[in-house]
Amino acid sequence: MIILKDLSNLEVDLDTTWGRERAIRYLGWFFLLTNTYASLKEAIAACRNDLDAGLLSIVVEDKSTKNFTLWCPVPNELLPND
């Protein structure tokens, strides 16, 4: 489980098969925002569910809204062919 507090160096615009998306590039993977939670406890529970399903998710503290967001990896099939 990864919990981040700052996305300033990680955010990118990503072209996917359905259009341009705001994404995180971390550890060589692209992640898309999947949900927002009011508490860290809720975000960690959702992240744990992803871990149990075999996915690596990232929890990010959004300092501007005081919420926590969950970011999930983008499958290679959704990335454009270069």
C-alpha atoms as a PDB file:
ATOM      1  CA  MET A   1       0.000   0.000   0.000  1.00  0.00           C
ATOM      2  CA  ILE A   2       1.319   3.409  -0.947  1.00  0.00           C
ATOM      3  CA  ILE A   3       0.151   6.675   0.654  1.00  0.00           C
ATOM      4  CA  LEU A   4       1.366   9.921  -0.910  1.00  0.00           C
ATOM      5  CA  LYS A   5       0.963  13.514   0.247  1.00  0.00           C
ATOM      6  CA  ASP A   6       2.299  15.401  -2.765  1.00  0.00           C
ATOM      7  CA  LEU A   7       1.597  14.845  -6.458  1.00  0.00           C
ATOM      8  CA  SER A   8       3.404  17.901  -7.802  1.00  0.00           C
ATOM      9  CA  ASN A   9       6.132  15.889  -9.551  1.00  0.00           C
ATOM     10  CA  LEU A  10       3.984  12.875 -10.411  1.00  0.00           C
ATOM     11  CA  GLU A  11       0.969  14.278 -12.289  1.00  0.00           C
ATOM     12  CA  VAL A  12       0.809  13.900 -16.042  1.00  0.00           C
ATOM     13  CA  ASP A  13      -1.765  14.161 -18.805  1.00  0.00           C
ATOM     14  CA  LEU A  14      -2.267  10.722 -20.275  1.00  0.00           C
ATOM     15  CA  ASP A  15      -3.819   9.872 -23.621  1.00  0.00           C
ATOM     16  CA  THR A  16      -5.944   6.756 -23.199  1.00  0.00           C
ATOM     17  CA  THR A  17      -8.234   4.956 -25.589  1.00  0.00           C
ATOM     18  CA  TRP A  18     -11.148   7.117 -24.377  1.00  0.00           C
ATOM     19  CA  GLY A  19      -9.338  10.482 -24.339  1.00  0.00           C
ATOM     20  CA  ARG A  20      -7.000  12.650 -22.285  1.00  0.00           C
ATOM     21  CA  GLU A  21      -6.952  11.945 -18.551  1.00  0.00           C
ATOM     22  CA  ARG A  22      -5.176  13.365 -15.510  1.00  0.00           C
ATOM     23  CA  ALA A  23      -2.909  10.616 -14.221  1.00  0.00           C
ATOM     24  CA  ILE A  24      -0.051   9.834 -11.857  1.00  0.00           C
ATOM     25  CA  ARG A  25       3.146   8.236 -13.096  1.00  0.00           C
ATOM     26  CA  TYR A  26       4.770   6.335 -10.243  1.00  0.00           C
ATOM     27  CA  LEU A  27       7.203   3.414 -10.237  1.00  0.00           C
ATOM     28  CA  GLY A  28       6.912   3.197 -14.030  1.00  0.00           C
ATOM     29  CA  TRP A  29       3.134   2.727 -13.921  1.00  0.00           C
ATOM     30  CA  PHE A  30       0.296   5.076 -14.783  1.00  0.00           C
ATOM     31  CA  PHE A  31      -2.557   5.459 -12.280  1.00  0.00           C
ATOM     32  CA  LEU A  32      -5.991   7.036 -12.739  1.00  0.00           C
ATOM     33  CA  LEU A  33      -8.223   8.529 -10.070  1.00  0.00           C
ATOM     34  CA  THR A  34     -10.993   6.097  -9.188  1.00  0.00           C
ATOM     35  CA  ASN A  35     -12.622   7.459  -6.045  1.00  0.00           C
ATOM     36  CA  THR A  36     -12.544  10.110  -3.320  1.00  0.00           C
ATOM     37  CA  TYR A  37     -13.002   9.466   0.405  1.00  0.00           C
ATOM     38  CA  ALA A  38     -13.634  11.795   3.325  1.00  0.00           C
ATOM     39  CA  SER A  39     -11.266   9.941   5.647  1.00  0.00           C
ATOM     40  CA  LEU A  40      -7.942   8.179   5.448  1.00  0.00           C
ATOM     41  CA  LYS A  41      -9.512   5.143   7.119  1.00  0.00           C
ATOM     42  CA  GLU A  42     -12.036   4.760   4.257  1.00  0.00           C
ATOM     43  CA  ALA A  43      -9.350   5.223   1.605  1.00  0.00           C
ATOM     44  CA  ILE A  44      -7.088   2.631   3.244  1.00  0.00           C
ATOM     45  CA  ALA A  45      -9.985   0.143   3.418  1.00  0.00           C
ATOM     46  CA  ALA A  46     -10.626   0.593  -0.311  1.00  0.00           C
ATOM     47  CA  CYS A  47      -6.911   0.261  -1.038  1.00  0.00           C
ATOM     48  CA  ARG A  48      -6.801  -2.939   1.019  1.00  0.00           C
ATOM     49  CA  ASN A  49      -9.674  -4.347  -1.049  1.00  0.00           C
ATOM     50  CA  ASP A  50      -7.647  -3.618  -4.185  1.00  0.00           C
ATOM     51  CA  LEU A  51      -4.578  -5.279  -2.659  1.00  0.00           C
ATOM     52  CA  ASP A  52      -6.649  -8.355  -1.816  1.00  0.00           C
ATOM     53  CA  ALA A  53      -7.724  -8.453  -5.480  1.00  0.00           C
ATOM     54  CA  GLY A  54      -4.066  -8.296  -6.583  1.00  0.00           C
ATOM     55  CA  LEU A  55      -3.962  -4.610  -7.569  1.00  0.00           C
ATOM     56  CA  LEU A  56      -1.503  -1.951  -6.483  1.00  0.00           C
ATOM     57  CA  SER A  57      -3.395   1.226  -5.603  1.00  0.00           C
ATOM     58  CA  ILE A  58      -2.188   4.573  -4.345  1.00  0.00           C
ATOM     59  CA  VAL A  59      -3.877   6.698  -1.675  1.00  0.00           C
ATOM     60  CA  VAL A  60      -3.233  10.431  -1.991  1.00  0.00           C
ATOM     61  CA  GLU A  61      -4.049  13.128   0.543  1.00  0.00           C
ATOM     62  CA  ASP A  62      -5.645  16.081  -1.266  1.00  0.00           C
ATOM     63  CA  LYS A  63      -4.528  19.037   0.810  1.00  0.00           C
ATOM     64  CA  SER A  64      -6.866  21.499  -0.916  1.00  0.00           C
ATOM     65  CA  THR A  65     -10.060  19.550  -0.167  1.00  0.00           C
ATOM     66  CA  LYS A  66      -8.903  17.586   2.908  1.00  0.00           C
ATOM     67  CA  ASN A  67     -10.112  14.406   1.154  1.00  0.00           C
ATOM     68  CA  PHE A  68      -8.225  11.264   0.226  1.00  0.00           C
ATOM     69  CA  THR A  69      -8.205   9.915  -3.314  1.00  0.00           C
ATOM     70  CA  LEU A  70      -7.637   6.398  -4.567  1.00  0.00           C
ATOM     71  CA  TRP A  71      -5.674   5.883  -7.783  1.00  0.00           C
ATOM     72  CA  CYS A  72      -5.588   2.543  -9.603  1.00  0.00           C
ATOM     73  CA  PRO A  73      -3.184   1.333 -12.290  1.00  0.00           C
ATOM     74  CA  VAL A  74      -4.087   1.763 -15.940  1.00  0.00           C
ATOM     75  CA  PRO A  75      -4.125  -1.555 -17.806  1.00  0.00           C
ATOM     76  CA  ASN A  76      -1.769  -1.589 -20.788  1.00  0.00           C
ATOM     77  CA  GLU A  77      -4.749  -2.244 -23.067  1.00  0.00           C
ATOM     78  CA  LEU A  78      -6.071   1.254 -22.320  1.00  0.00           C
ATOM     79  CA  LEU A  79      -2.805   3.000 -23.126  1.00  0.00           C
ATOM     80  CA  PRO A  80      -2.257   4.233 -26.680  1.00  0.00           C
ATOM     81  CA  ASN A  81       0.112   2.291 -28.893  1.00  0.00           C
ATOM     82  CA  ASP A  82       3.311   4.257 -29.505  1.00  0.00           C
END
